[in-house]
Amino acid sequence: MTMPDWQERVIIERHQLNEKVTKLGTFLDSAVVRGIVPHDLALLRVQHNAMSTYLAVLDERIALFDGITEG
């Protein structure tokens, strides 16, 4: 059984978001952040948290795909 287009798009979106979350997390753990203005750094951390939450939502949606039927 093939996956509906919208499910494929969700999986692609999740993959792309995961790459961004990983890269931002790596950046935030690097020494480079010491040179960032504190307010900007705080906003980057908020952004990382929001993206991580969004990623978790996509993971939950994908986990439900098996129970979804089209029609």
PDB file of N, CA and C in Angstrom:
ATOM      1  N   MET A   1       0.846  -1.187   0.000  1.00  0.00           N
ATOM      2  CA  MET A   1       0.000   0.000   0.000  1.00  0.00           C
ATOM      3  C   MET A   1       0.887   1.244   0.000  1.00  0.00           C
ATOM      4  N   THR A   2       0.591   2.151  -0.898  1.00  0.00           N
ATOM      5  CA  THR A   2       1.379   3.368  -0.975  1.00  0.00           C
ATOM      6  C   THR A   2       0.869   4.407   0.012  1.00  0.00           C
ATOM      7  N   MET A   3       1.751   5.289   0.352  1.00  0.00           N
ATOM      8  CA  MET A   3       1.437   6.345   1.301  1.00  0.00           C
ATOM      9  C   MET A   3       0.801   7.525   0.562  1.00  0.00           C
ATOM     10  N   PRO A   4      -0.238   8.125   1.129  1.00  0.00           N
ATOM     11  CA  PRO A   4      -0.830   9.313   0.506  1.00  0.00           C
ATOM     12  C   PRO A   4       0.188  10.456   0.413  1.00  0.00           C
ATOM     13  N   ASP A   5       0.010  11.311  -0.577  1.00  0.00           N
ATOM     14  CA  ASP A   5       0.940  12.431  -0.785  1.00  0.00           C
ATOM     15  C   ASP A   5       1.111  13.294   0.458  1.00  0.00           C
ATOM     16  N   TRP A   6       0.026  13.562   1.156  1.00  0.00           N
ATOM     17  CA  TRP A   6       0.121  14.452   2.311  1.00  0.00           C
ATOM     18  C   TRP A   6       0.976  13.832   3.413  1.00  0.00           C
ATOM     19  N   GLN A   7       0.942  12.502   3.547  1.00  0.00           N
ATOM     20  CA  GLN A   7       1.788  11.843   4.543  1.00  0.00           C
ATOM     21  C   GLN A   7       3.254  11.918   4.134  1.00  0.00           C
ATOM     22  N   GLU A   8       3.513  11.748   2.853  1.00  0.00           N
ATOM     23  CA  GLU A   8       4.889  11.885   2.367  1.00  0.00           C
ATOM     24  C   GLU A   8       5.421  13.286   2.626  1.00  0.00           C
ATOM     25  N   ARG A   9       4.566  14.287   2.437  1.00  0.00           N
ATOM     26  CA  ARG A   9       4.988  15.669   2.690  1.00  0.00           C
ATOM     27  C   ARG A   9       5.302  15.896   4.169  1.00  0.00           C
ATOM     28  N   VAL A  10       4.522  15.289   5.044  1.00  0.00           N
ATOM     29  CA  VAL A  10       4.778  15.420   6.487  1.00  0.00           C
ATOM     30  C   VAL A  10       6.126  14.788   6.833  1.00  0.00           C
ATOM     31  N   ILE A  11       6.421  13.640   6.252  1.00  0.00           N
ATOM     32  CA  ILE A  11       7.694  12.963   6.518  1.00  0.00           C
ATOM     33  C   ILE A  11       8.867  13.786   5.993  1.00  0.00           C
ATOM     34  N   ILE A  12       8.718  14.364   4.815  1.00  0.00           N
ATOM     35  CA  ILE A  12       9.772  15.228   4.266  1.00  0.00           C
ATOM     36  C   ILE A  12       9.971  16.449   5.157  1.00  0.00           C
ATOM     37  N   GLU A  13       8.869  17.048   5.573  1.00  0.00           N
ATOM     38  CA  GLU A  13       8.934  18.220   6.458  1.00  0.00           C
ATOM     39  C   GLU A  13       9.644  17.859   7.756  1.00  0.00           C
ATOM     40  N   ARG A  14       9.330  16.690   8.304  1.00  0.00           N
ATOM     41  CA  ARG A  14       9.959  16.249   9.546  1.00  0.00           C
ATOM     42  C   ARG A  14      11.467  16.057   9.363  1.00  0.00           C
ATOM     43  N   HIS A  15      11.855  15.467   8.249  1.00  0.00           N
ATOM     44  CA  HIS A  15      13.276  15.248   7.969  1.00  0.00           C
ATOM     45  C   HIS A  15      14.021  16.582   7.861  1.00  0.00           C
ATOM     46  N   GLN A  16      13.439  17.526   7.124  1.00  0.00           N
ATOM     47  CA  GLN A  16      14.072  18.838   6.962  1.00  0.00           C
ATOM     48  C   GLN A  16      14.161  19.574   8.296  1.00  0.00           C
ATOM     49  N   LEU A  17      13.101  19.518   9.073  1.00  0.00           N
ATOM     50  CA  LEU A  17      13.094  20.185  10.371  1.00  0.00           C
ATOM     51  C   LEU A  17      14.109  19.550  11.307  1.00  0.00           C
ATOM     52  N   ASN A  18      14.213  18.229  11.283  1.00  0.00           N
ATOM     53  CA  ASN A  18      15.178  17.545  12.138  1.00  0.00           C
ATOM     54  C   ASN A  18      16.601  18.000  11.821  1.00  0.00           C
ATOM     55  N   GLU A  19      16.912  18.162  10.540  1.00  0.00           N
ATOM     56  CA  GLU A  19      18.239  18.651  10.162  1.00  0.00           C
ATOM     57  C   GLU A  19      18.495  20.042  10.729  1.00  0.00           C
ATOM     58  N   LYS A  20      17.494  20.917  10.654  1.00  0.00           N
ATOM     59  CA  LYS A  20      17.643  22.284  11.168  1.00  0.00           C
ATOM     60  C   LYS A  20      17.793  22.297  12.689  1.00  0.00           C
ATOM     61  N   VAL A  21      16.997  21.476  13.373  1.00  0.00           N
ATOM     62  CA  VAL A  21      17.075  21.401  14.832  1.00  0.00           C
ATOM     63  C   VAL A  21      18.453  20.897  15.245  1.00  0.00           C
ATOM     64  N   THR A  22      18.940  19.887  14.557  1.00  0.00           N
ATOM     65  CA  THR A  22      20.252  19.322  14.870  1.00  0.00           C
ATOM     66  C   THR A  22      21.357  20.356  14.649  1.00  0.00           C
ATOM     67  N   LYS A  23      21.311  21.041  13.518  1.00  0.00           N
ATOM     68  CA  LYS A  23      22.340  22.050  13.219  1.00  0.00           C
ATOM     69  C   LYS A  23      22.305  23.204  14.217  1.00  0.00           C
ATOM     70  N   LEU A  24      21.108  23.672  14.548  1.00  0.00           N
ATOM     71  CA  LEU A  24      21.010  24.762  15.513  1.00  0.00           C
ATOM     72  C   LEU A  24      21.484  24.303  16.883  1.00  0.00           C
ATOM     73  N   GLY A  25      21.136  23.081  17.276  1.00  0.00           N
ATOM     74  CA  GLY A  25      21.601  22.552  18.557  1.00  0.00           C
ATOM     75  C   GLY A  25      23.119  22.449  18.616  1.00  0.00           C
ATOM     76  N   THR A  26      23.725  21.994  17.526  1.00  0.00           N
ATOM     77  CA  THR A  26      25.181  21.909  17.451  1.00  0.00           C
ATOM     78  C   THR A  26      25.801  23.294  17.570  1.00  0.00           C
ATOM     79  N   PHE A  27      25.212  24.256  16.869  1.00  0.00           N
ATOM     80  CA  PHE A  27      25.688  25.636  16.942  1.00  0.00           C
ATOM     81  C   PHE A  27      25.588  26.170  18.361  1.00  0.00           C
ATOM     82  N   LEU A  28      24.460  25.937  19.017  1.00  0.00           N
ATOM     83  CA  LEU A  28      24.266  26.446  20.375  1.00  0.00           C
ATOM     84  C   LEU A  28      25.216  25.809  21.374  1.00  0.00           C
ATOM     85  N   ASP A  29      25.715  24.615  21.069  1.00  0.00           N
ATOM     86  CA  ASP A  29      26.672  23.938  21.941  1.00  0.00           C
ATOM     87  C   ASP A  29      28.119  24.308  21.626  1.00  0.00           C
ATOM     88  N   SER A  30      28.331  25.113  20.595  1.00  0.00           N
ATOM     89  CA  SER A  30      29.683  25.453  20.176  1.00  0.00           C
ATOM     90  C   SER A  30      30.207  26.681  20.918  1.00  0.00           C
ATOM     91  N   ALA A  31      31.495  26.894  20.786  1.00  0.00           N
ATOM     92  CA  ALA A  31      32.138  28.048  21.414  1.00  0.00           C
ATOM     93  C   ALA A  31      31.771  29.358  20.726  1.00  0.00           C
ATOM     94  N   VAL A  32      31.286  29.295  19.520  1.00  0.00           N
ATOM     95  CA  VAL A  32      30.929  30.488  18.743  1.00  0.00           C
ATOM     96  C   VAL A  32      29.868  31.323  19.465  1.00  0.00           C
ATOM     97  N   VAL A  33      28.999  30.673  20.207  1.00  0.00           N
ATOM     98  CA  VAL A  33      27.890  31.403  20.841  1.00  0.00           C
ATOM     99  C   VAL A  33      28.376  32.409  21.884  1.00  0.00           C
ATOM    100  N   ARG A  34      29.602  32.257  22.343  1.00  0.00           N
ATOM    101  CA  ARG A  34      30.119  33.218  23.338  1.00  0.00           C
ATOM    102  C   ARG A  34      30.195  34.629  22.767  1.00  0.00           C
ATOM    103  N   GLY A  35      30.266  34.738  21.450  1.00  0.00           N
ATOM    104  CA  GLY A  35      30.367  36.049  20.830  1.00  0.00           C
ATOM    105  C   GLY A  35      29.026  36.646  20.442  1.00  0.00           C
ATOM    106  N   ILE A  36      27.963  35.978  20.751  1.00  0.00           N
ATOM    107  CA  ILE A  36      26.622  36.459  20.367  1.00  0.00           C
ATOM    108  C   ILE A  36      26.042  37.317  21.490  1.00  0.00           C
ATOM    109  N   VAL A  37      25.385  38.384  21.090  1.00  0.00           N
ATOM    110  CA  VAL A  37      24.711  39.262  22.046  1.00  0.00           C
ATOM    111  C   VAL A  37      23.724  38.415  22.865  1.00  0.00           C
ATOM    112  N   PRO A  38      23.709  38.571  24.192  1.00  0.00           N
ATOM    113  CA  PRO A  38      22.855  37.727  25.044  1.00  0.00           C
ATOM    114  C   PRO A  38      21.390  37.654  24.615  1.00  0.00           C
ATOM    115  N   HIS A  39      20.809  38.778  24.209  1.00  0.00           N
ATOM    116  CA  HIS A  39      19.402  38.748  23.803  1.00  0.00           C
ATOM    117  C   HIS A  39      19.216  37.889  22.551  1.00  0.00           C
ATOM    118  N   ASP A  40      20.127  38.012  21.603  1.00  0.00           N
ATOM    119  CA  ASP A  40      20.055  37.187  20.388  1.00  0.00           C
ATOM    120  C   ASP A  40      20.224  35.710  20.726  1.00  0.00           C
ATOM    121  N   LEU A  41      21.137  35.418  21.623  1.00  0.00           N
ATOM    122  CA  LEU A  41      21.353  34.027  22.035  1.00  0.00           C
ATOM    123  C   LEU A  41      20.110  33.463  22.708  1.00  0.00           C
ATOM    124  N   ALA A  42      19.473  34.261  23.537  1.00  0.00           N
ATOM    125  CA  ALA A  42      18.239  33.818  24.202  1.00  0.00           C
ATOM    126  C   ALA A  42      17.161  33.523  23.164  1.00  0.00           C
ATOM    127  N   LEU A  43      17.056  34.363  22.147  1.00  0.00           N
ATOM    128  CA  LEU A  43      16.061  34.129  21.099  1.00  0.00           C
ATOM    129  C   LEU A  43      16.383  32.870  20.299  1.00  0.00           C
ATOM    130  N   LEU A  44      17.652  32.616  20.044  1.00  0.00           N
ATOM    131  CA  LEU A  44      18.029  31.382  19.354  1.00  0.00           C
ATOM    132  C   LEU A  44      17.646  30.155  20.177  1.00  0.00           C
ATOM    133  N   ARG A  45      17.785  30.246  21.477  1.00  0.00           N
ATOM    134  CA  ARG A  45      17.405  29.123  22.347  1.00  0.00           C
ATOM    135  C   ARG A  45      15.889  28.927  22.344  1.00  0.00           C
ATOM    136  N   VAL A  46      15.153  30.021  22.339  1.00  0.00           N
ATOM    137  CA  VAL A  46      13.689  29.924  22.247  1.00  0.00           C
ATOM    138  C   VAL A  46      13.304  29.299  20.913  1.00  0.00           C
ATOM    139  N   GLN A  47      13.975  29.735  19.848  1.00  0.00           N
ATOM    140  CA  GLN A  47      13.711  29.179  18.519  1.00  0.00           C
ATOM    141  C   GLN A  47      13.989  27.679  18.499  1.00  0.00           C
ATOM    142  N   HIS A  48      15.105  27.261  19.086  1.00  0.00           N
ATOM    143  CA  HIS A  48      15.460  25.837  19.125  1.00  0.00           C
ATOM    144  C   HIS A  48      14.402  25.045  19.889  1.00  0.00           C
ATOM    145  N   ASN A  49      13.941  25.598  20.988  1.00  0.00           N
ATOM    146  CA  ASN A  49      12.908  24.931  21.779  1.00  0.00           C
ATOM    147  C   ASN A  49      11.603  24.800  20.992  1.00  0.00           C
ATOM    148  N   ALA A  50      11.212  25.871  20.304  1.00  0.00           N
ATOM    149  CA  ALA A  50       9.972  25.843  19.510  1.00  0.00           C
ATOM    150  C   ALA A  50      10.092  24.835  18.371  1.00  0.00           C
ATOM    151  N   MET A  51      11.236  24.812  17.711  1.00  0.00           N
ATOM    152  CA  MET A  51      11.445  23.867  16.617  1.00  0.00           C
ATOM    153  C   MET A  51      11.423  22.428  17.135  1.00  0.00           C
ATOM    154  N   SER A  52      11.987  22.210  18.307  1.00  0.00           N
ATOM    155  CA  SER A  52      11.994  20.870  18.899  1.00  0.00           C
ATOM    156  C   SER A  52      10.579  20.420  19.246  1.00  0.00           C
ATOM    157  N   THR A  53       9.770  21.342  19.733  1.00  0.00           N
ATOM    158  CA  THR A  53       8.373  21.036  20.024  1.00  0.00           C
ATOM    159  C   THR A  53       7.627  20.693  18.743  1.00  0.00           C
ATOM    160  N   TYR A  54       7.849  21.464  17.702  1.00  0.00           N
ATOM    161  CA  TYR A  54       7.239  21.224  16.395  1.00  0.00           C
ATOM    162  C   TYR A  54       7.651  19.854  15.869  1.00  0.00           C
ATOM    163  N   LEU A  55       8.921  19.506  16.036  1.00  0.00           N
ATOM    164  CA  LEU A  55       9.425  18.199  15.616  1.00  0.00           C
ATOM    165  C   LEU A  55       8.703  17.076  16.357  1.00  0.00           C
ATOM    166  N   ALA A  56       8.496  17.252  17.647  1.00  0.00           N
ATOM    167  CA  ALA A  56       7.794  16.244  18.439  1.00  0.00           C
ATOM    168  C   ALA A  56       6.351  16.074  17.964  1.00  0.00           C
ATOM    169  N   VAL A  57       5.707  17.171  17.566  1.00  0.00           N
ATOM    170  CA  VAL A  57       4.337  17.096  17.042  1.00  0.00           C
ATOM    171  C   VAL A  57       4.321  16.306  15.735  1.00  0.00           C
ATOM    172  N   LEU A  58       5.272  16.584  14.851  1.00  0.00           N
ATOM    173  CA  LEU A  58       5.350  15.833  13.601  1.00  0.00           C
ATOM    174  C   LEU A  58       5.599  14.352  13.871  1.00  0.00           C
ATOM    175  N   ASP A  59       6.458  14.047  14.838  1.00  0.00           N
ATOM    176  CA  ASP A  59       6.706  12.645  15.197  1.00  0.00           C
ATOM    177  C   ASP A  59       5.424  11.949  15.643  1.00  0.00           C
ATOM    178  N   GLU A  60       4.625  12.643  16.436  1.00  0.00           N
ATOM    179  CA  GLU A  60       3.358  12.057  16.900  1.00  0.00           C
ATOM    180  C   GLU A  60       2.386  11.849  15.739  1.00  0.00           C
ATOM    181  N   ARG A  61       2.326  12.837  14.844  1.00  0.00           N
ATOM    182  CA  ARG A  61       1.439  12.687  13.684  1.00  0.00           C
ATOM    183  C   ARG A  61       1.858  11.499  12.833  1.00  0.00           C
ATOM    184  N   ILE A  62       3.150  11.360  12.603  1.00  0.00           N
ATOM    185  CA  ILE A  62       3.655  10.257  11.784  1.00  0.00           C
ATOM    186  C   ILE A  62       3.373   8.915  12.460  1.00  0.00           C
ATOM    187  N   ALA A  63       3.484   8.874  13.769  1.00  0.00           N
ATOM    188  CA  ALA A  63       3.213   7.638  14.496  1.00  0.00           C
ATOM    189  C   ALA A  63       1.762   7.194  14.325  1.00  0.00           C
ATOM    190  N   LEU A  64       0.878   8.129  14.042  1.00  0.00           N
ATOM    191  CA  LEU A  64      -0.538   7.808  13.864  1.00  0.00           C
ATOM    192  C   LEU A  64      -0.897   7.394  12.438  1.00  0.00           C
ATOM    193  N   PHE A  65       0.028   7.506  11.516  1.00  0.00           N
ATOM    194  CA  PHE A  65      -0.266   7.211  10.114  1.00  0.00           C
ATOM    195  C   PHE A  65      -0.823   5.816   9.909  1.00  0.00           C
ATOM    196  N   ASP A  66      -0.343   4.821  10.635  1.00  0.00           N
ATOM    197  CA  ASP A  66      -0.816   3.454  10.441  1.00  0.00           C
ATOM    198  C   ASP A  66      -2.311   3.325  10.709  1.00  0.00           C
ATOM    199  N   GLY A  67      -2.843   4.154  11.593  1.00  0.00           N
ATOM    200  CA  GLY A  67      -4.251   4.055  11.925  1.00  0.00           C
ATOM    201  C   GLY A  67      -5.160   4.897  11.046  1.00  0.00           C
ATOM    202  N   ILE A  68      -4.576   5.622  10.104  1.00  0.00           N
ATOM    203  CA  ILE A  68      -5.361   6.518   9.253  1.00  0.00           C
ATOM    204  C   ILE A  68      -5.726   5.800   7.960  1.00  0.00           C
ATOM    205  N   THR A  69      -6.985   5.899   7.601  1.00  0.00           N
ATOM    206  CA  THR A  69      -7.412   5.351   6.317  1.00  0.00           C
ATOM    207  C   THR A  69      -7.946   6.495   5.478  1.00  0.00           C
ATOM    208  N   GLU A  70      -7.711   6.422   4.207  1.00  0.00           N
ATOM    209  CA  GLU A  70      -8.211   7.468   3.326  1.00  0.00           C
ATOM    210  C   GLU A  70      -9.618   7.127   2.878  1.00  0.00           C
ATOM    211  N   GLY A  71     -10.415   8.121   2.767  1.00  0.00           N
ATOM    212  CA  GLY A  71     -11.749   7.859   2.275  1.00  0.00           C
ATOM    213  C   GLY A  71     -12.670   8.856   2.714  1.00  0.00           C
TER     214      GLY A  71
END
